[in-house]
Amino acid sequence: MTDRLMLLDSASLYFRAFYGVRDSVRAPDGTPVNAVRGFLDMIARLVTAYEPTHLVACWDDDWRPQWRVDLIPSYKTHRVAEVIAHAPDVEVVPDPLEVQVPVIRKALGVVGIPIVGAAEHEADDVIGTLATTATMPVDIVTGDRDLFQLVDDARDVRVIYTGLGMSKLQVMTDAAVVAKYGVLPSQYADFATLRGDSSDGLPGVAGIGEKSAAALLAAHGDLPGILAAAEAGEGMSAGVRAKIEAALDYLAVAPRVVEVVRDLDLDAGDDRLRPLTVAQKADATALAETWALGSPMNRLIDALDAV
């Protein structure tokens, strides 16, 4: 089997599991475990369907890094709640999900899947770094369109997009990104900068939507090319030029916010998938009994046994 690395956008997946799996099954102490069960099922399905030989659960050590907020104060603002006046910002995570995150980490630990995060950086940046430095083909599993910027047929880096649900996974290649948005993956960060993204609190350039952003990139290649054309008054209408010029302050900082970091100092450790040892299976079974994870944990063990 050819080596292939799978990178999980962990929070993207366990949020989806939390909202997509009923919480009718609970741990003996009453704790909800729908996100844990759904997340383990997702991993089992992904390992079976895409046959990775290496797997990393990428983690948000800082889901809203201050350096990104300093550049664009509206960054992820709608996901923030002030706990008390002057308290640190925290992501709005439903209490029934928050209590499950430590269990997810324990479950990953007992089956030998490494968790990798980085201080002051999001999982996107961890994924960007590991995908860029990988010496093998890469599958990125996420519901975040921003990671389309990492798609690269030449290096066999794909995104397995979960935006339509686990039953309708989309494999995003160069051709798939072009077909959907009219831009190359290498242009996607500039495209997202121009278009904006309400889910991340990115305002974009007022009056520039997906079609006009794609047209500008087709004509001028990248954001620096668009800015140069606007300054020269060439290759675009006066109206579009005015929109670009009105957004110069935003365009000066937005690319650093939108572009994922690709050069973090990371160590994924031993990320090779292997069948569980007898001791690991005993630990996994014990954890499953404690938290009522029976069937999903068994399916994941079976999937790992088949690698």
C-alpha atoms as a PDB file:
ATOM      1  CA  MET A   1       0.000   0.000   0.000  1.00  0.00           C
ATOM      2  CA  THR A   2       1.302   3.452  -0.927  1.00  0.00           C
ATOM      3  CA  ASP A   3       1.892   5.714   2.048  1.00  0.00           C
ATOM      4  CA  ARG A   4      -0.780   8.402   2.460  1.00  0.00           C
ATOM      5  CA  LEU A   5      -1.187  10.915   5.287  1.00  0.00           C
ATOM      6  CA  MET A   6      -4.647  11.904   6.520  1.00  0.00           C
ATOM      7  CA  LEU A   7      -4.978  15.166   8.470  1.00  0.00           C
ATOM      8  CA  LEU A   8      -8.166  15.661  10.483  1.00  0.00           C
ATOM      9  CA  ASP A   9      -9.529  19.131  11.182  1.00  0.00           C
ATOM     10  CA  SER A  10     -10.627  17.775  14.539  1.00  0.00           C
ATOM     11  CA  ALA A  11     -12.912  20.557  15.782  1.00  0.00           C
ATOM     12  CA  SER A  12     -14.650  20.759  12.409  1.00  0.00           C
ATOM     13  CA  LEU A  13     -15.445  17.058  12.669  1.00  0.00           C
ATOM     14  CA  TYR A  14     -16.505  16.826  16.309  1.00  0.00           C
ATOM     15  CA  PHE A  15     -18.744  19.895  15.957  1.00  0.00           C
ATOM     16  CA  ARG A  16     -20.383  18.162  12.989  1.00  0.00           C
ATOM     17  CA  ALA A  17     -20.712  14.959  15.013  1.00  0.00           C
ATOM     18  CA  PHE A  18     -22.257  16.839  17.944  1.00  0.00           C
ATOM     19  CA  TYR A  19     -24.958  18.407  15.808  1.00  0.00           C
ATOM     20  CA  GLY A  20     -25.475  15.373  13.586  1.00  0.00           C
ATOM     21  CA  VAL A  21     -25.710  12.535  16.108  1.00  0.00           C
ATOM     22  CA  ARG A  22     -28.589  12.264  18.575  1.00  0.00           C
ATOM     23  CA  ASP A  23     -27.612  12.322  22.233  1.00  0.00           C
ATOM     24  CA  SER A  24     -29.944   9.485  23.186  1.00  0.00           C
ATOM     25  CA  VAL A  25     -26.954   7.335  24.197  1.00  0.00           C
ATOM     26  CA  ARG A  26     -25.161   8.682  27.254  1.00  0.00           C
ATOM     27  CA  ALA A  27     -22.404   7.527  29.539  1.00  0.00           C
ATOM     28  CA  PRO A  28     -23.465   5.740  32.742  1.00  0.00           C
ATOM     29  CA  ASP A  29     -23.002   8.995  34.666  1.00  0.00           C
ATOM     30  CA  GLY A  30     -25.354  10.808  32.273  1.00  0.00           C
ATOM     31  CA  THR A  31     -22.681  12.658  30.304  1.00  0.00           C
ATOM     32  CA  PRO A  32     -23.608  13.097  26.616  1.00  0.00           C
ATOM     33  CA  VAL A  33     -21.262  11.245  24.277  1.00  0.00           C
ATOM     34  CA  ASN A  34     -22.853  11.888  20.873  1.00  0.00           C
ATOM     35  CA  ALA A  35     -19.874  13.937  19.635  1.00  0.00           C
ATOM     36  CA  VAL A  36     -17.392  11.290  20.790  1.00  0.00           C
ATOM     37  CA  ARG A  37     -19.334   8.453  19.216  1.00  0.00           C
ATOM     38  CA  GLY A  38     -19.872  10.366  15.979  1.00  0.00           C
ATOM     39  CA  PHE A  39     -16.222  11.407  15.779  1.00  0.00           C
ATOM     40  CA  LEU A  40     -14.989   7.834  16.245  1.00  0.00           C
ATOM     41  CA  ASP A  41     -17.441   6.629  13.596  1.00  0.00           C
ATOM     42  CA  MET A  42     -16.179   9.318  11.203  1.00  0.00           C
ATOM     43  CA  ILE A  43     -12.576   8.210  11.658  1.00  0.00           C
ATOM     44  CA  ALA A  44     -13.496   4.568  11.133  1.00  0.00           C
ATOM     45  CA  ARG A  45     -15.343   5.412   7.896  1.00  0.00           C
ATOM     46  CA  LEU A  46     -12.533   7.630   6.636  1.00  0.00           C
ATOM     47  CA  VAL A  47      -9.822   5.064   7.353  1.00  0.00           C
ATOM     48  CA  THR A  48     -11.835   2.357   5.604  1.00  0.00           C
ATOM     49  CA  ALA A  49     -12.758   4.469   2.580  1.00  0.00           C
ATOM     50  CA  TYR A  50      -9.485   6.304   1.926  1.00  0.00           C
ATOM     51  CA  GLU A  51      -6.920   3.870   3.369  1.00  0.00           C
ATOM     52  CA  PRO A  52      -4.433   6.281   4.931  1.00  0.00           C
ATOM     53  CA  THR A  53      -1.255   4.764   6.327  1.00  0.00           C
ATOM     54  CA  HIS A  54      -0.617   7.770   8.589  1.00  0.00           C
ATOM     55  CA  LEU A  55      -3.148   9.845  10.538  1.00  0.00           C
ATOM     56  CA  VAL A  56      -2.944  13.006  12.651  1.00  0.00           C
ATOM     57  CA  ALA A  57      -5.718  14.718  14.602  1.00  0.00           C
ATOM     58  CA  CYS A  58      -4.917  18.413  14.142  1.00  0.00           C
ATOM     59  CA  TRP A  59      -6.017  20.589  17.045  1.00  0.00           C
ATOM     60  CA  ASP A  60      -6.995  24.184  17.731  1.00  0.00           C
ATOM     61  CA  ASP A  61      -4.607  25.115  20.530  1.00  0.00           C
ATOM     62  CA  ASP A  62      -5.804  28.667  19.879  1.00  0.00           C
ATOM     63  CA  TRP A  63      -8.989  28.846  17.817  1.00  0.00           C
ATOM     64  CA  ARG A  64      -8.824  32.672  17.484  1.00  0.00           C
ATOM     65  CA  PRO A  65      -5.167  33.757  17.626  1.00  0.00           C
ATOM     66  CA  GLN A  66      -4.651  37.270  18.894  1.00  0.00           C
ATOM     67  CA  TRP A  67      -2.290  38.122  16.057  1.00  0.00           C
ATOM     68  CA  ARG A  68      -5.107  37.490  13.571  1.00  0.00           C
ATOM     69  CA  VAL A  69      -7.543  39.535  15.660  1.00  0.00           C
ATOM     70  CA  ASP A  70      -5.010  42.383  15.832  1.00  0.00           C
ATOM     71  CA  LEU A  71      -5.012  42.478  12.028  1.00  0.00           C
ATOM     72  CA  ILE A  72      -8.791  42.130  11.574  1.00  0.00           C
ATOM     73  CA  PRO A  73     -10.704  42.782  14.831  1.00  0.00           C
ATOM     74  CA  SER A  74     -13.897  41.249  13.419  1.00  0.00           C
ATOM     75  CA  TYR A  75     -12.153  37.892  12.934  1.00  0.00           C
ATOM     76  CA  LYS A  76     -14.508  35.205  14.313  1.00  0.00           C
ATOM     77  CA  THR A  77     -16.230  37.814  16.487  1.00  0.00           C
ATOM     78  CA  HIS A  78     -19.611  36.139  16.113  1.00  0.00           C
ATOM     79  CA  ARG A  79     -18.210  32.958  17.663  1.00  0.00           C
ATOM     80  CA  VAL A  80     -17.130  34.772  20.822  1.00  0.00           C
ATOM     81  CA  ALA A  81     -18.877  35.222  24.171  1.00  0.00           C
ATOM     82  CA  GLU A  82     -17.642  37.372  27.015  1.00  0.00           C
ATOM     83  CA  VAL A  83     -17.832  35.197  30.122  1.00  0.00           C
ATOM     84  CA  ILE A  84     -17.431  38.182  32.405  1.00  0.00           C
ATOM     85  CA  ALA A  85     -16.326  41.725  31.785  1.00  0.00           C
ATOM     86  CA  HIS A  86     -12.690  41.836  30.676  1.00  0.00           C
ATOM     87  CA  ALA A  87     -12.465  38.041  30.633  1.00  0.00           C
ATOM     88  CA  PRO A  88     -10.532  36.311  27.848  1.00  0.00           C
ATOM     89  CA  ASP A  89     -12.556  35.547  24.768  1.00  0.00           C
ATOM     90  CA  VAL A  90     -13.817  32.011  24.595  1.00  0.00           C
ATOM     91  CA  GLU A  91     -15.447  30.207  21.711  1.00  0.00           C
ATOM     92  CA  VAL A  92     -19.139  29.568  22.106  1.00  0.00           C
ATOM     93  CA  VAL A  93     -19.054  25.811  22.663  1.00  0.00           C
ATOM     94  CA  PRO A  94     -22.260  24.218  23.922  1.00  0.00           C
ATOM     95  CA  ASP A  95     -21.754  22.779  27.412  1.00  0.00           C
ATOM     96  CA  PRO A  96     -22.830  19.272  26.284  1.00  0.00           C
ATOM     97  CA  LEU A  97     -20.021  19.363  23.708  1.00  0.00           C
ATOM     98  CA  GLU A  98     -17.387  20.946  25.937  1.00  0.00           C
ATOM     99  CA  VAL A  99     -17.552  18.077  28.420  1.00  0.00           C
ATOM    100  CA  GLN A 100     -16.929  15.611  25.575  1.00  0.00           C
ATOM    101  CA  VAL A 101     -13.697  17.121  24.255  1.00  0.00           C
ATOM    102  CA  PRO A 102     -11.496  15.542  26.970  1.00  0.00           C
ATOM    103  CA  VAL A 103     -13.113  12.174  26.233  1.00  0.00           C
ATOM    104  CA  ILE A 104     -12.333  12.616  22.537  1.00  0.00           C
ATOM    105  CA  ARG A 105      -8.695  13.246  23.409  1.00  0.00           C
ATOM    106  CA  LYS A 106      -8.613  10.128  25.618  1.00  0.00           C
ATOM    107  CA  ALA A 107     -10.186   8.038  22.863  1.00  0.00           C
ATOM    108  CA  LEU A 108      -7.626   9.199  20.325  1.00  0.00           C
ATOM    109  CA  GLY A 109      -4.871   8.416  22.801  1.00  0.00           C
ATOM    110  CA  VAL A 110      -5.920   4.844  23.483  1.00  0.00           C
ATOM    111  CA  VAL A 111      -6.056   4.003  19.759  1.00  0.00           C
ATOM    112  CA  GLY A 112      -2.682   5.629  19.080  1.00  0.00           C
ATOM    113  CA  ILE A 113      -3.752   8.589  16.938  1.00  0.00           C
ATOM    114  CA  PRO A 114      -1.503  11.574  17.710  1.00  0.00           C
ATOM    115  CA  ILE A 115      -3.002  14.980  18.503  1.00  0.00           C
ATOM    116  CA  VAL A 116      -0.961  17.906  17.191  1.00  0.00           C
ATOM    117  CA  GLY A 117      -1.565  21.583  17.955  1.00  0.00           C
ATOM    118  CA  ALA A 118       0.568  24.708  18.105  1.00  0.00           C
ATOM    119  CA  ALA A 119       0.512  27.610  20.537  1.00  0.00           C
ATOM    120  CA  GLU A 120      -1.122  30.766  19.149  1.00  0.00           C
ATOM    121  CA  HIS A 121      -2.247  28.918  16.026  1.00  0.00           C
ATOM    122  CA  GLU A 122      -5.324  27.182  14.716  1.00  0.00           C
ATOM    123  CA  ALA A 123      -5.689  23.648  13.452  1.00  0.00           C
ATOM    124  CA  ASP A 124      -5.681  25.142   9.929  1.00  0.00           C
ATOM    125  CA  ASP A 125      -2.085  26.234  10.469  1.00  0.00           C
ATOM    126  CA  VAL A 126      -1.087  22.825  11.791  1.00  0.00           C
ATOM    127  CA  ILE A 127      -2.702  21.243   8.730  1.00  0.00           C
ATOM    128  CA  GLY A 128      -0.999  23.752   6.428  1.00  0.00           C
ATOM    129  CA  THR A 129       2.411  22.957   7.872  1.00  0.00           C
ATOM    130  CA  LEU A 130       2.014  19.175   7.904  1.00  0.00           C
ATOM    131  CA  ALA A 131       0.560  19.135   4.382  1.00  0.00           C
ATOM    132  CA  THR A 132       3.356  21.342   3.061  1.00  0.00           C
ATOM    133  CA  THR A 133       6.179  19.369   4.672  1.00  0.00           C
ATOM    134  CA  ALA A 134       4.763  15.902   4.010  1.00  0.00           C
ATOM    135  CA  THR A 135       6.831  13.512   1.927  1.00  0.00           C
ATOM    136  CA  MET A 136       3.781  11.509   0.850  1.00  0.00           C
ATOM    137  CA  PRO A 137       0.317  12.171  -0.602  1.00  0.00           C
ATOM    138  CA  VAL A 138      -2.047  13.975   1.781  1.00  0.00           C
ATOM    139  CA  ASP A 139      -5.799  13.932   2.415  1.00  0.00           C
ATOM    140  CA  ILE A 140      -7.153  16.826   4.511  1.00  0.00           C
ATOM    141  CA  VAL A 141     -10.546  16.161   6.084  1.00  0.00           C
ATOM    142  CA  THR A 142     -12.437  19.360   6.883  1.00  0.00           C
ATOM    143  CA  GLY A 143     -15.619  21.341   6.491  1.00  0.00           C
ATOM    144  CA  ASP A 144     -13.596  24.562   6.179  1.00  0.00           C
ATOM    145  CA  ARG A 145     -13.374  25.933   2.641  1.00  0.00           C
ATOM    146  CA  ASP A 146     -10.300  28.003   3.532  1.00  0.00           C
ATOM    147  CA  LEU A 147      -8.226  24.841   3.339  1.00  0.00           C
ATOM    148  CA  PHE A 148      -8.922  24.578  -0.385  1.00  0.00           C
ATOM    149  CA  GLN A 149      -5.849  26.807  -0.700  1.00  0.00           C
ATOM    150  CA  LEU A 150      -3.742  23.727   0.163  1.00  0.00           C
ATOM    151  CA  VAL A 151      -5.049  21.553  -2.681  1.00  0.00           C
ATOM    152  CA  ASP A 152      -2.181  20.692  -5.009  1.00  0.00           C
ATOM    153  CA  ASP A 153      -2.412  17.986  -7.668  1.00  0.00           C
ATOM    154  CA  ALA A 154       1.326  18.139  -8.308  1.00  0.00           C
ATOM    155  CA  ARG A 155       2.000  17.043  -4.726  1.00  0.00           C
ATOM    156  CA  ASP A 156      -1.151  14.906  -4.452  1.00  0.00           C
ATOM    157  CA  VAL A 157      -2.693  17.010  -1.699  1.00  0.00           C
ATOM    158  CA  ARG A 158      -6.488  16.735  -1.665  1.00  0.00           C
ATOM    159  CA  VAL A 159      -9.253  18.017   0.584  1.00  0.00           C
ATOM    160  CA  ILE A 160     -11.991  15.606   1.590  1.00  0.00           C
ATOM    161  CA  TYR A 161     -14.725  18.167   2.160  1.00  0.00           C
ATOM    162  CA  THR A 162     -17.417  17.361   4.710  1.00  0.00           C
ATOM    163  CA  GLY A 163     -19.562  20.447   4.106  1.00  0.00           C
ATOM    164  CA  LEU A 164     -22.467  18.421   2.682  1.00  0.00           C
ATOM    165  CA  GLY A 165     -22.215  15.726   5.342  1.00  0.00           C
ATOM    166  CA  MET A 166     -20.380  12.441   5.736  1.00  0.00           C
ATOM    167  CA  SER A 167     -22.688  10.729   3.252  1.00  0.00           C
ATOM    168  CA  LYS A 168     -21.809  13.257   0.540  1.00  0.00           C
ATOM    169  CA  LEU A 169     -18.061  13.732   0.894  1.00  0.00           C
ATOM    170  CA  GLN A 170     -16.431  15.731  -1.901  1.00  0.00           C
ATOM    171  CA  VAL A 171     -12.841  15.118  -2.925  1.00  0.00           C
ATOM    172  CA  MET A 172     -11.441  18.499  -3.875  1.00  0.00           C
ATOM    173  CA  THR A 173      -8.659  18.440  -6.457  1.00  0.00           C
ATOM    174  CA  ASP A 174      -7.335  21.262  -8.640  1.00  0.00           C
ATOM    175  CA  ALA A 175     -10.078  20.592 -11.186  1.00  0.00           C
ATOM    176  CA  ALA A 176     -12.806  20.451  -8.527  1.00  0.00           C
ATOM    177  CA  VAL A 177     -11.794  23.836  -7.060  1.00  0.00           C
ATOM    178  CA  VAL A 178     -11.668  25.400 -10.523  1.00  0.00           C
ATOM    179  CA  ALA A 179     -15.041  23.906 -11.435  1.00  0.00           C
ATOM    180  CA  LYS A 180     -16.688  25.209  -8.256  1.00  0.00           C
ATOM    181  CA  TYR A 181     -15.099  28.652  -7.932  1.00  0.00           C
ATOM    182  CA  GLY A 182     -13.357  29.479 -11.195  1.00  0.00           C
ATOM    183  CA  VAL A 183      -9.975  29.897  -9.496  1.00  0.00           C
ATOM    184  CA  LEU A 184      -6.963  27.678  -8.944  1.00  0.00           C
ATOM    185  CA  PRO A 185      -6.254  26.435  -5.400  1.00  0.00           C
ATOM    186  CA  SER A 186      -3.167  28.671  -5.404  1.00  0.00           C
ATOM    187  CA  GLN A 187      -5.520  31.630  -5.929  1.00  0.00           C
ATOM    188  CA  TYR A 188      -8.074  30.552  -3.347  1.00  0.00           C
ATOM    189  CA  ALA A 189      -6.696  32.591  -0.417  1.00  0.00           C
ATOM    190  CA  ASP A 190      -6.794  35.765  -2.533  1.00  0.00           C
ATOM    191  CA  PHE A 191     -10.273  34.791  -3.721  1.00  0.00           C
ATOM    192  CA  ALA A 192     -11.475  34.373  -0.129  1.00  0.00           C
ATOM    193  CA  THR A 193      -9.852  37.673   0.852  1.00  0.00           C
ATOM    194  CA  LEU A 194     -11.708  39.534  -1.896  1.00  0.00           C
ATOM    195  CA  ARG A 195     -15.036  37.753  -1.422  1.00  0.00           C
ATOM    196  CA  GLY A 196     -14.953  37.780   2.362  1.00  0.00           C
ATOM    197  CA  ASP A 197     -16.407  35.131   4.621  1.00  0.00           C
ATOM    198  CA  SER A 198     -19.122  35.904   7.144  1.00  0.00           C
ATOM    199  CA  SER A 199     -18.452  32.642   8.982  1.00  0.00           C
ATOM    200  CA  ASP A 200     -14.970  33.919   9.854  1.00  0.00           C
ATOM    201  CA  GLY A 201     -15.879  37.575  10.261  1.00  0.00           C
ATOM    202  CA  LEU A 202     -13.959  38.615   7.143  1.00  0.00           C
ATOM    203  CA  PRO A 203     -15.674  41.589   5.507  1.00  0.00           C
ATOM    204  CA  GLY A 204     -14.156  41.196   2.057  1.00  0.00           C
ATOM    205  CA  VAL A 205     -14.205  44.003  -0.477  1.00  0.00           C
ATOM    206  CA  ALA A 206     -17.599  45.689  -0.508  1.00  0.00           C
ATOM    207  CA  GLY A 207     -19.363  45.002  -3.795  1.00  0.00           C
ATOM    208  CA  ILE A 208     -17.016  42.167  -4.833  1.00  0.00           C
ATOM    209  CA  GLY A 209     -18.681  38.761  -4.795  1.00  0.00           C
ATOM    210  CA  GLU A 210     -17.508  35.339  -5.916  1.00  0.00           C
ATOM    211  CA  LYS A 211     -17.966  35.941  -9.656  1.00  0.00           C
ATOM    212  CA  SER A 212     -16.230  39.305  -9.714  1.00  0.00           C
ATOM    213  CA  ALA A 213     -13.420  38.036  -7.466  1.00  0.00           C
ATOM    214  CA  ALA A 214     -12.850  35.095  -9.804  1.00  0.00           C
ATOM    215  CA  ALA A 215     -12.917  37.406 -12.835  1.00  0.00           C
ATOM    216  CA  LEU A 216     -10.338  39.731 -11.282  1.00  0.00           C
ATOM    217  CA  LEU A 217      -8.036  36.829 -10.494  1.00  0.00           C
ATOM    218  CA  ALA A 218      -8.463  35.410 -13.997  1.00  0.00           C
ATOM    219  CA  ALA A 219      -7.443  38.766 -15.444  1.00  0.00           C
ATOM    220  CA  HIS A 220      -4.630  39.696 -13.058  1.00  0.00           C
ATOM    221  CA  GLY A 221      -3.389  36.439 -11.528  1.00  0.00           C
ATOM    222  CA  ASP A 222      -3.250  37.307  -7.861  1.00  0.00           C
ATOM    223  CA  LEU A 223      -3.996  40.049  -5.350  1.00  0.00           C
ATOM    224  CA  PRO A 224      -0.755  41.976  -5.960  1.00  0.00           C
ATOM    225  CA  GLY A 225      -1.591  41.932  -9.671  1.00  0.00           C
ATOM    226  CA  ILE A 226      -5.091  43.253  -8.960  1.00  0.00           C
ATOM    227  CA  LEU A 227      -3.720  46.024  -6.731  1.00  0.00           C
ATOM    228  CA  ALA A 228      -1.163  47.005  -9.370  1.00  0.00           C
ATOM    229  CA  ALA A 229      -3.851  47.150 -12.047  1.00  0.00           C
ATOM    230  CA  ALA A 230      -6.070  49.271  -9.813  1.00  0.00           C
ATOM    231  CA  GLU A 231      -3.225  51.678  -9.125  1.00  0.00           C
ATOM    232  CA  ALA A 232      -2.442  51.941 -12.831  1.00  0.00           C
ATOM    233  CA  GLY A 233      -6.103  52.290 -13.752  1.00  0.00           C
ATOM    234  CA  GLU A 234      -5.839  49.462 -16.247  1.00  0.00           C
ATOM    235  CA  GLY A 235      -7.734  46.237 -16.838  1.00  0.00           C
ATOM    236  CA  MET A 236     -10.814  47.011 -14.772  1.00  0.00           C
ATOM    237  CA  SER A 237     -13.750  49.351 -14.779  1.00  0.00           C
ATOM    238  CA  ALA A 238     -13.690  52.594 -12.842  1.00  0.00           C
ATOM    239  CA  GLY A 239     -16.343  51.179 -10.519  1.00  0.00           C
ATOM    240  CA  VAL A 240     -14.328  48.074  -9.646  1.00  0.00           C
ATOM    241  CA  ARG A 241     -11.208  50.167  -9.243  1.00  0.00           C
ATOM    242  CA  ALA A 242     -13.036  52.387  -6.761  1.00  0.00           C
ATOM    243  CA  LYS A 243     -14.132  49.336  -4.749  1.00  0.00           C
ATOM    244  CA  ILE A 244     -10.568  48.040  -4.577  1.00  0.00           C
ATOM    245  CA  GLU A 245      -9.181  51.419  -3.581  1.00  0.00           C
ATOM    246  CA  ALA A 246     -11.798  51.803  -0.851  1.00  0.00           C
ATOM    247  CA  ALA A 247     -10.633  48.515   0.667  1.00  0.00           C
ATOM    248  CA  LEU A 248      -6.868  49.092   0.559  1.00  0.00           C
ATOM    249  CA  ASP A 249      -6.454  49.100   4.343  1.00  0.00           C
ATOM    250  CA  TYR A 250      -8.291  45.784   4.610  1.00  0.00           C
ATOM    251  CA  LEU A 251      -6.392  44.281   1.669  1.00  0.00           C
ATOM    252  CA  ALA A 252      -3.079  45.224   3.285  1.00  0.00           C
ATOM    253  CA  VAL A 253      -3.692  42.919   6.256  1.00  0.00           C
ATOM    254  CA  ALA A 254      -6.303  40.348   5.217  1.00  0.00           C
ATOM    255  CA  PRO A 255      -3.983  38.013   3.288  1.00  0.00           C
ATOM    256  CA  ARG A 256      -1.990  37.242   6.437  1.00  0.00           C
ATOM    257  CA  VAL A 257      -5.222  36.356   8.239  1.00  0.00           C
ATOM    258  CA  VAL A 258      -6.626  34.201   5.441  1.00  0.00           C
ATOM    259  CA  GLU A 259      -3.465  32.377   4.415  1.00  0.00           C
ATOM    260  CA  VAL A 260      -2.718  29.340   6.552  1.00  0.00           C
ATOM    261  CA  VAL A 261       0.705  29.167   8.159  1.00  0.00           C
ATOM    262  CA  ARG A 262       2.918  26.547   6.549  1.00  0.00           C
ATOM    263  CA  ASP A 263       6.164  26.746   8.497  1.00  0.00           C
ATOM    264  CA  LEU A 264       5.413  25.913  12.123  1.00  0.00           C
ATOM    265  CA  ASP A 265       7.918  23.862  14.104  1.00  0.00           C
ATOM    266  CA  LEU A 266       5.890  20.690  14.624  1.00  0.00           C
ATOM    267  CA  ASP A 267       6.517  17.101  15.568  1.00  0.00           C
ATOM    268  CA  ALA A 268       3.695  14.718  14.790  1.00  0.00           C
ATOM    269  CA  GLY A 269       5.546  11.869  16.458  1.00  0.00           C
ATOM    270  CA  ASP A 270       4.644   8.377  15.313  1.00  0.00           C
ATOM    271  CA  ASP A 271       1.626   8.938  13.083  1.00  0.00           C
ATOM    272  CA  ARG A 272       1.653   5.567  11.311  1.00  0.00           C
ATOM    273  CA  LEU A 273      -1.591   3.638  11.647  1.00  0.00           C
ATOM    274  CA  ARG A 274      -1.295   0.128  13.049  1.00  0.00           C
ATOM    275  CA  PRO A 275      -3.636  -2.553  14.352  1.00  0.00           C
ATOM    276  CA  LEU A 276      -4.021  -2.137  18.084  1.00  0.00           C
ATOM    277  CA  THR A 277      -1.977  -4.303  20.403  1.00  0.00           C
ATOM    278  CA  VAL A 278      -3.691  -6.532  22.957  1.00  0.00           C
ATOM    279  CA  ALA A 279      -2.948  -3.934  25.640  1.00  0.00           C
ATOM    280  CA  GLN A 280      -4.302  -1.088  23.512  1.00  0.00           C
ATOM    281  CA  LYS A 281      -7.492  -3.031  22.799  1.00  0.00           C
ATOM    282  CA  ALA A 282      -7.953  -3.630  26.509  1.00  0.00           C
ATOM    283  CA  ASP A 283      -7.535   0.084  27.215  1.00  0.00           C
ATOM    284  CA  ALA A 284      -9.882   1.019  24.372  1.00  0.00           C
ATOM    285  CA  THR A 285     -12.497  -1.459  25.572  1.00  0.00           C
ATOM    286  CA  ALA A 286     -12.263  -0.149  29.133  1.00  0.00           C
ATOM    287  CA  LEU A 287     -12.673   3.438  27.929  1.00  0.00           C
ATOM    288  CA  ALA A 288     -15.601   2.407  25.749  1.00  0.00           C
ATOM    289  CA  GLU A 289     -17.314   0.774  28.720  1.00  0.00           C
ATOM    290  CA  THR A 290     -16.780   3.827  30.916  1.00  0.00           C
ATOM    291  CA  TRP A 291     -18.197   6.220  28.333  1.00  0.00           C
ATOM    292  CA  ALA A 292     -20.697   4.037  26.423  1.00  0.00           C
ATOM    293  CA  LEU A 293     -18.689   4.140  23.200  1.00  0.00           C
ATOM    294  CA  GLY A 294     -19.121   0.463  22.375  1.00  0.00           C
ATOM    295  CA  SER A 295     -20.116   0.198  18.714  1.00  0.00           C
ATOM    296  CA  PRO A 296     -18.197   3.237  17.406  1.00  0.00           C
ATOM    297  CA  MET A 297     -15.038   2.184  19.247  1.00  0.00           C
ATOM    298  CA  ASN A 298     -15.394  -1.365  17.925  1.00  0.00           C
ATOM    299  CA  ARG A 299     -15.796  -0.077  14.377  1.00  0.00           C
ATOM    300  CA  LEU A 300     -12.656   2.039  14.739  1.00  0.00           C
ATOM    301  CA  ILE A 301     -10.699  -0.907  16.151  1.00  0.00           C
ATOM    302  CA  ASP A 302     -11.857  -3.047  13.215  1.00  0.00           C
ATOM    303  CA  ALA A 303     -10.854  -0.325  10.740  1.00  0.00           C
ATOM    304  CA  LEU A 304      -7.388  -0.121  12.308  1.00  0.00           C
ATOM    305  CA  ASP A 305      -7.083  -3.915  12.286  1.00  0.00           C
ATOM    306  CA  ALA A 306      -7.495  -3.782   8.509  1.00  0.00           C
ATOM    307  CA  VAL A 307      -4.681  -1.288   7.834  1.00  0.00           C
END
